[in-house]
Amino acid sequence: MKAALKPRINLEGRTPLETVIPIETPFIVFVDPASSCNFKCTFCPTGHRELIAETGRYQGAMKYEVFTKTIDDLAAFGKPIKVLRMYKDGEPFLNKRLADMIRYAKNSGYVDYIDTTTNGTFLTPERLAPVIEAGLDKINISVDGMTRETYQQFTGFNFDFDKFVAGVKWLYDNKGDMEISIKIPGELITEAQRQEFFDTFGDHCDRIFIENFAPCWPEFNVEERSGIKIGEVGIYQQELRPTDTCPYIFYAMSVNADGLVSSCFLDWGRKLIIGDVRTTPLKEIWNSDKMNALRLQHLEGRRCENQVCGNCGQLTHCLPDNIDDHREMLLERFRAKVKLNPSVPAPGGVRRLPQVAAE
């Protein structure tokens, strides 16, 4: 097998966050090319159309001018962001201007690295060649089963698996400097299919990994919605380590397909909105009272007062970073360096805590 057995994110060489918080320039900005998806995955909120409709969330592709405004706003930070993640809630290739977006960001000088994640439906030479030429640095390909039947059961899509494999092979043969990462949830394959997965894709990507499902979506019960049992190990097969302070809100933010900005890439229900890139500069949103109120809430150990953050399984099953042991020091530094407005509440609402009866 040519590919390295390695998860899609880099677990090594990470910056110790306690040495840099508060961060003037975000490390990562998520930009969602499309909030809709052609799959109806049982394990993903976007796959539940009625659930998404209840949120009132915009379903569609990001307009090109919203994207260019977002990239232009990055100039104000003074140095490039480390990673532009061109995915969030939907399937990026549903945006027909995806290659144009990648090219614009690549040529801006405000982004060091660009990656995206796809369900693989559109892995054809006609769709891939422009993206490769535009300069995409990495593509993460999600495999959701090794048979058409498994895809139908869990994604609600009549997936042409043989065409998909052919597309992966073409991509690998023509990728240039782009890195290809392929991953599959272990819960969607049998023990025998694990080796089949490596045999099918292992010579046609740069890294490959069998992940685990995780209860990552706030206020969305993966087990209940999908019937898949969540195991006692993390998404990258790591030991579970409960975390109380979310590190993401200190180094990343997310621009949704309509331009609304979320403090977290898991904000599928749009309850963590901190601004609108269409009307407000991105740097202003990064340093906004709403964003800082959320950061302060976490540093003060009040995360579970938040009805969204308090119901997030990402903190137990998915995190590569943990700043809990440094929270007291970071709180002192944060208060000294950041102008805080005590009258602004954190996004996400207040969660009613259990009342303790008086003795």
Protein backbone atom coordinates (compact mmCIF):
# COMPACT_ATOMS: atom_id res chain seq x y z
CA MET A 1 0.00 0.00 0.00
CA LYS A 2 1.43 3.35 -1.05
CA ALA A 3 -0.67 5.51 1.27
CA ALA A 4 0.35 6.36 4.83
CA LEU A 5 -2.01 5.03 7.50
CA LYS A 6 -2.78 8.45 8.87
CA PRO A 7 -5.90 10.47 9.80
CA ARG A 8 -6.95 13.43 7.69
CA ILE A 9 -5.85 16.02 10.26
CA ASN A 10 -2.27 16.43 11.40
CA LEU A 11 -1.96 15.27 14.99
CA GLU A 12 1.75 16.00 15.17
CA GLY A 13 3.59 19.32 15.13
CA ARG A 14 0.62 21.31 16.40
CA THR A 15 1.11 24.74 17.96
CA PRO A 16 0.63 24.64 21.77
CA LEU A 17 -2.39 26.93 21.99
CA GLU A 18 -1.59 28.02 25.53
CA THR A 19 1.48 29.81 24.14
CA VAL A 20 -0.41 31.95 21.61
CA ILE A 21 -3.94 32.64 22.92
CA PRO A 22 -5.35 35.24 22.31
CA ILE A 23 -4.58 34.91 18.60
CA GLU A 24 -4.68 38.02 16.40
CA THR A 25 -5.00 36.14 13.11
CA PRO A 26 -7.13 32.97 13.06
CA PHE A 27 -5.24 29.82 12.13
CA ILE A 28 -8.25 28.41 10.25
CA VAL A 29 -11.27 29.89 8.50
CA PHE A 30 -14.00 27.54 7.29
CA VAL A 31 -15.90 28.78 4.24
CA ASP A 32 -18.87 26.71 3.09
CA PRO A 33 -19.23 26.66 -0.73
CA ALA A 34 -22.66 25.02 -0.38
CA SER A 35 -24.85 24.38 2.65
CA SER A 36 -26.93 21.76 0.84
CA CYS A 37 -26.00 18.19 0.01
CA ASN A 38 -27.14 15.56 -2.47
CA PHE A 39 -26.79 12.90 0.25
CA LYS A 40 -29.28 12.37 3.07
CA CYS A 41 -26.89 10.84 5.56
CA THR A 42 -28.61 9.58 8.68
CA PHE A 43 -25.61 10.54 10.81
CA CYS A 44 -25.46 14.19 9.66
CA PRO A 45 -27.93 17.02 10.42
CA THR A 46 -27.85 18.23 6.80
CA GLY A 47 -29.20 14.85 5.73
CA HIS A 48 -32.41 15.45 7.67
CA ARG A 49 -34.27 17.89 5.44
CA GLU A 50 -37.18 18.55 7.82
CA LEU A 51 -34.81 19.19 10.71
CA ILE A 52 -32.85 21.74 8.68
CA ALA A 53 -36.05 23.40 7.45
CA GLU A 54 -37.06 23.99 11.07
CA THR A 55 -33.89 26.03 11.63
CA GLY A 56 -34.65 28.36 8.73
CA ARG A 57 -31.10 27.81 7.51
CA TYR A 58 -30.18 28.90 4.01
CA GLN A 59 -29.87 25.90 1.72
CA GLY A 60 -27.85 26.52 -1.41
CA ALA A 61 -24.54 27.60 -2.90
CA MET A 62 -22.46 30.52 -1.70
CA LYS A 63 -22.52 33.45 -4.10
CA TYR A 64 -19.16 34.22 -5.65
CA GLU A 65 -19.19 37.84 -4.47
CA VAL A 66 -19.73 36.71 -0.87
CA PHE A 67 -16.70 34.46 -1.18
CA THR A 68 -14.45 37.13 -2.70
CA LYS A 69 -15.54 39.60 0.00
CA THR A 70 -14.54 37.01 2.62
CA ILE A 71 -11.11 36.50 1.09
CA ASP A 72 -10.54 40.22 0.62
CA ASP A 73 -11.35 40.75 4.30
CA LEU A 74 -8.44 38.50 5.29
CA ALA A 75 -6.03 41.25 4.21
CA ALA A 76 -6.82 43.18 7.38
CA PHE A 77 -5.25 40.53 9.59
CA GLY A 78 -1.77 41.47 8.40
CA LYS A 79 -0.57 37.93 7.77
CA PRO A 80 -2.04 34.93 5.96
CA ILE A 81 -4.26 32.43 7.71
CA LYS A 82 -2.76 28.95 7.93
CA VAL A 83 -5.67 27.01 6.40
CA LEU A 84 -8.77 27.85 4.39
CA ARG A 85 -11.18 24.93 4.84
CA MET A 86 -13.65 24.98 1.99
CA TYR A 87 -16.35 22.82 3.51
CA LYS A 88 -18.77 22.83 6.44
CA ASP A 89 -22.42 21.73 6.14
CA GLY A 90 -22.83 20.54 2.56
CA GLU A 91 -21.14 19.12 -0.53
CA PRO A 92 -18.62 21.69 -1.87
CA PHE A 93 -18.78 20.46 -5.47
CA LEU A 94 -22.44 21.50 -5.65
CA ASN A 95 -21.05 25.00 -6.07
CA LYS A 96 -20.21 25.23 -9.77
CA ARG A 97 -17.70 28.01 -9.10
CA LEU A 98 -15.66 25.99 -6.63
CA ALA A 99 -12.55 26.07 -8.83
CA ASP A 100 -12.89 29.84 -9.33
CA MET A 101 -13.11 30.28 -5.57
CA ILE A 102 -10.02 28.19 -4.95
CA ARG A 103 -8.09 30.11 -7.59
CA TYR A 104 -9.14 33.47 -6.15
CA ALA A 105 -8.10 32.49 -2.63
CA LYS A 106 -4.83 30.96 -3.85
CA ASN A 107 -3.91 34.10 -5.77
CA SER A 108 -4.86 36.46 -2.94
CA GLY A 109 -1.76 35.92 -0.85
CA TYR A 110 -3.93 35.81 2.28
CA VAL A 111 -4.10 32.00 2.57
CA ASP A 112 -1.24 29.54 3.06
CA TYR A 113 -3.14 26.30 2.41
CA ILE A 114 -6.53 25.25 1.04
CA ASP A 115 -8.37 21.97 1.55
CA THR A 116 -11.85 20.61 1.00
CA THR A 117 -13.90 17.53 1.85
CA THR A 118 -16.23 15.74 -0.56
CA ASN A 119 -18.61 12.77 -0.62
CA GLY A 120 -17.09 11.74 -3.95
CA THR A 121 -20.16 12.08 -6.14
CA PHE A 122 -18.48 14.54 -8.49
CA LEU A 123 -15.07 12.92 -8.87
CA THR A 124 -14.98 13.14 -12.64
CA PRO A 125 -12.20 14.55 -14.82
CA GLU A 126 -14.51 17.38 -15.92
CA ARG A 127 -15.09 18.53 -12.32
CA LEU A 128 -11.69 17.68 -10.88
CA ALA A 129 -9.33 19.10 -13.52
CA PRO A 130 -10.30 22.76 -12.88
CA VAL A 131 -9.91 22.28 -9.11
CA ILE A 132 -6.46 20.75 -9.53
CA GLU A 133 -5.42 23.55 -11.88
CA ALA A 134 -6.74 26.17 -9.45
CA GLY A 135 -4.27 25.00 -6.82
CA LEU A 136 -6.20 23.02 -4.21
CA ASP A 137 -3.65 21.70 -1.71
CA LYS A 138 -5.61 18.80 -0.27
CA ILE A 139 -8.85 16.91 -0.81
CA ASN A 140 -10.44 14.70 1.84
CA ILE A 141 -12.66 12.02 0.32
CA SER A 142 -15.34 10.44 2.49
CA VAL A 143 -16.21 6.82 1.78
CA ASP A 144 -19.56 5.81 3.31
CA GLY A 145 -19.52 2.08 2.71
CA MET A 146 -18.03 -0.48 0.37
CA THR A 147 -21.28 -1.41 -1.41
CA ARG A 148 -24.15 0.35 -3.15
CA GLU A 149 -26.50 -1.15 -0.54
CA THR A 150 -24.63 0.42 2.38
CA TYR A 151 -24.70 3.79 0.67
CA GLN A 152 -28.42 3.49 0.08
CA GLN A 153 -29.03 2.62 3.73
CA PHE A 154 -26.97 5.37 5.32
CA THR A 155 -26.84 8.15 2.69
CA GLY A 156 -30.16 7.65 0.89
CA PHE A 157 -28.28 7.91 -2.41
CA ASN A 158 -28.05 5.44 -5.26
CA PHE A 159 -24.26 5.65 -5.39
CA ASP A 160 -22.29 4.31 -8.35
CA PHE A 161 -19.41 2.81 -6.38
CA ASP A 162 -17.44 1.56 -9.40
CA LYS A 163 -17.58 5.00 -11.03
CA PHE A 164 -16.45 6.53 -7.73
CA VAL A 165 -13.40 4.24 -7.53
CA ALA A 166 -12.52 5.08 -11.14
CA GLY A 167 -12.73 8.76 -10.25
CA VAL A 168 -10.39 8.33 -7.30
CA LYS A 169 -7.87 6.56 -9.50
CA TRP A 170 -8.02 9.29 -12.16
CA LEU A 171 -7.56 11.94 -9.47
CA TYR A 172 -4.50 10.22 -8.04
CA ASP A 173 -2.93 9.87 -11.47
CA ASN A 174 -3.48 13.55 -12.27
CA LYS A 175 -3.28 15.28 -8.88
CA GLY A 176 0.05 17.03 -9.27
CA ASP A 177 1.14 18.38 -5.88
CA MET A 178 -2.29 17.99 -4.29
CA GLU A 179 -2.60 15.59 -1.36
CA ILE A 180 -5.41 13.03 -1.31
CA SER A 181 -6.80 11.71 1.98
CA ILE A 182 -9.41 8.94 2.07
CA LYS A 183 -11.32 7.90 5.17
CA ILE A 184 -14.22 5.66 6.09
CA PRO A 185 -16.19 5.15 9.33
CA GLY A 186 -15.40 1.73 10.72
CA GLU A 187 -19.04 1.28 11.73
CA LEU A 188 -20.11 1.17 8.06
CA ILE A 189 -17.97 -1.81 7.08
CA THR A 190 -17.56 -5.40 8.16
CA GLU A 191 -14.29 -6.80 9.43
CA ALA A 192 -13.63 -8.36 6.02
CA GLN A 193 -14.35 -5.07 4.27
CA ARG A 194 -11.67 -3.28 6.27
CA GLN A 195 -8.97 -4.99 4.21
CA GLU A 196 -11.04 -4.49 1.07
CA PHE A 197 -11.07 -0.76 1.81
CA PHE A 198 -7.27 -0.65 2.00
CA ASP A 199 -6.90 -2.85 -1.08
CA THR A 200 -9.29 -0.67 -3.11
CA PHE A 201 -7.92 2.76 -2.21
CA GLY A 202 -4.52 2.27 -0.56
CA ASP A 203 -2.51 2.69 -3.77
CA HIS A 204 -4.53 5.67 -4.97
CA CYS A 205 -4.17 8.23 -2.18
CA ASP A 206 -1.52 9.77 0.06
CA ARG A 207 -3.08 9.00 3.42
CA ILE A 208 -5.84 6.59 4.40
CA PHE A 209 -7.64 5.90 7.66
CA ILE A 210 -10.54 4.07 9.27
CA GLU A 211 -12.26 6.52 11.59
CA ASN A 212 -14.95 6.09 14.21
CA PHE A 213 -18.29 7.83 14.43
CA ALA A 214 -18.52 10.49 17.13
CA PRO A 215 -21.35 12.44 18.79
CA CYS A 216 -19.85 15.62 17.37
CA TRP A 217 -22.96 17.59 16.39
CA PRO A 218 -24.42 19.71 19.22
CA GLU A 219 -28.08 18.95 19.88
CA PHE A 220 -28.10 16.12 17.33
CA ASN A 221 -28.17 12.55 18.59
CA VAL A 222 -26.18 10.50 16.07
CA GLU A 223 -27.10 7.17 17.67
CA GLU A 224 -30.80 7.97 17.72
CA ARG A 225 -30.88 9.35 14.18
CA SER A 226 -28.71 6.71 12.51
CA GLY A 227 -28.99 3.61 14.68
CA ILE A 228 -25.17 3.52 14.87
CA LYS A 229 -23.66 2.82 18.27
CA ILE A 230 -20.96 5.27 19.30
CA GLY A 231 -17.91 3.49 20.70
CA GLU A 232 -15.60 4.28 23.60
CA VAL A 233 -12.76 5.63 21.48
CA GLY A 234 -12.38 8.91 19.64
CA ILE A 235 -12.90 9.65 15.96
CA TYR A 236 -9.19 9.10 15.23
CA GLN A 237 -9.11 5.96 17.41
CA GLN A 238 -7.61 7.99 20.24
CA GLU A 239 -8.38 7.52 23.94
CA LEU A 240 -11.28 9.66 25.09
CA ARG A 241 -10.28 12.67 27.12
CA PRO A 242 -13.12 14.82 28.43
CA THR A 243 -12.53 18.49 27.65
CA ASP A 244 -14.27 21.44 29.24
CA THR A 245 -12.80 24.36 27.26
CA CYS A 246 -13.30 24.38 23.50
CA PRO A 247 -10.05 25.30 21.75
CA TYR A 248 -11.66 25.84 18.32
CA ILE A 249 -13.21 29.20 19.23
CA PHE A 250 -9.74 30.58 19.95
CA TYR A 251 -8.18 29.77 16.56
CA ALA A 252 -10.99 29.28 14.01
CA MET A 253 -14.32 30.61 12.76
CA SER A 254 -16.75 29.66 10.01
CA VAL A 255 -18.38 31.58 7.18
CA ASN A 256 -21.64 29.89 6.21
CA ALA A 257 -22.89 29.68 2.64
CA ASP A 258 -25.11 32.74 3.02
CA GLY A 259 -22.40 34.86 4.64
CA LEU A 260 -23.47 34.51 8.25
CA VAL A 261 -20.46 33.78 10.44
CA SER A 262 -20.50 31.11 13.14
CA SER A 263 -18.05 30.80 15.99
CA CYS A 264 -17.92 27.04 15.36
CA PHE A 265 -17.86 24.82 12.25
CA LEU A 266 -20.35 22.48 13.96
CA ASP A 267 -23.03 25.18 14.12
CA TRP A 268 -25.49 23.34 11.89
CA GLY A 269 -28.51 25.00 13.56
CA ARG A 270 -27.14 28.58 13.31
CA LYS A 271 -27.27 29.19 17.05
CA LEU A 272 -23.69 30.44 17.34
CA ILE A 273 -23.87 33.34 14.88
CA ILE A 274 -21.38 36.12 15.65
CA GLY A 275 -21.74 38.32 12.55
CA ASP A 276 -22.37 38.64 8.83
CA VAL A 277 -19.42 38.92 6.44
CA ARG A 278 -21.65 40.62 3.86
CA THR A 279 -21.97 43.70 6.07
CA THR A 280 -19.12 43.50 8.58
CA PRO A 281 -15.35 43.05 8.09
CA LEU A 282 -14.17 39.59 9.06
CA LYS A 283 -11.52 40.95 11.43
CA GLU A 284 -14.18 42.90 13.28
CA ILE A 285 -16.24 39.73 13.65
CA TRP A 286 -13.19 37.78 14.90
CA ASN A 287 -12.70 40.38 17.64
CA SER A 288 -16.40 41.01 18.25
CA ASP A 289 -18.07 41.20 21.63
CA LYS A 290 -20.12 38.09 20.83
CA MET A 291 -17.06 36.00 19.98
CA ASN A 292 -15.16 37.21 23.02
CA ALA A 293 -18.16 36.61 25.28
CA LEU A 294 -18.18 32.97 24.16
CA ARG A 295 -14.43 32.63 24.72
CA LEU A 296 -14.77 34.16 28.18
CA GLN A 297 -17.64 31.81 29.02
CA HIS A 298 -15.43 28.81 28.26
CA LEU A 299 -12.38 30.17 30.09
CA GLU A 300 -14.49 30.83 33.18
CA GLY A 301 -15.66 27.22 33.21
CA ARG A 302 -19.25 28.09 32.27
CA ARG A 303 -19.45 26.16 28.99
CA CYS A 304 -22.33 23.97 30.16
CA GLU A 305 -24.47 27.05 30.75
CA ASN A 306 -24.55 27.33 26.96
CA GLN A 307 -27.34 25.22 25.45
CA VAL A 308 -25.27 24.52 22.30
CA CYS A 309 -21.72 24.15 23.62
CA GLY A 310 -23.00 22.21 26.61
CA ASN A 311 -24.34 19.52 24.26
CA CYS A 312 -21.26 19.08 22.07
CA GLY A 313 -19.60 15.67 21.79
CA GLN A 314 -16.72 17.11 19.79
CA LEU A 315 -15.05 17.92 23.10
CA THR A 316 -14.81 14.29 24.14
CA HIS A 317 -14.40 12.38 20.88
CA CYS A 318 -12.68 14.60 18.34
CA LEU A 319 -10.29 17.15 19.80
CA PRO A 320 -6.57 17.08 19.01
CA ASP A 321 -5.94 19.95 21.45
CA ASN A 322 -6.72 20.51 25.13
CA ILE A 323 -6.21 23.77 27.03
CA ASP A 324 -8.06 22.87 30.23
CA ASP A 325 -4.88 22.71 32.33
CA HIS A 326 -3.98 26.25 31.26
CA ARG A 327 -7.39 27.84 31.67
CA GLU A 328 -6.62 29.94 34.75
CA MET A 329 -3.51 31.42 33.14
CA LEU A 330 -5.29 31.96 29.84
CA LEU A 331 -8.22 33.67 31.56
CA GLU A 332 -5.88 36.14 33.22
CA ARG A 333 -4.06 36.82 29.95
CA PHE A 334 -7.33 37.07 28.01
CA ARG A 335 -8.77 39.65 30.40
CA ALA A 336 -5.56 41.67 30.26
CA LYS A 337 -5.30 41.76 26.46
CA VAL A 338 -8.91 41.71 25.24
CA LYS A 339 -11.43 44.51 25.63
CA LEU A 340 -14.52 42.84 27.03
CA ASN A 341 -18.09 44.09 27.11
CA PRO A 342 -19.80 42.42 30.09
CA SER A 343 -23.27 43.34 28.81
CA VAL A 344 -22.99 41.16 25.67
CA PRO A 345 -24.15 37.55 26.12
CA ALA A 346 -22.42 34.61 24.47
CA PRO A 347 -24.20 33.17 21.42
CA GLY A 348 -25.95 29.87 22.00
CA GLY A 349 -28.36 30.93 24.69
CA VAL A 350 -28.38 30.10 28.37
CA ARG A 351 -29.00 26.57 29.49
CA ARG A 352 -31.12 26.24 32.59
CA LEU A 353 -29.08 24.39 35.22
CA PRO A 354 -30.64 21.96 37.71
CA GLN A 355 -31.83 23.62 40.90
CA VAL A 356 -30.41 22.27 44.14
CA ALA A 357 -32.97 22.02 46.90
CA ALA A 358 -32.15 23.94 50.07
CA GLU A 359 -31.31 21.80 53.05
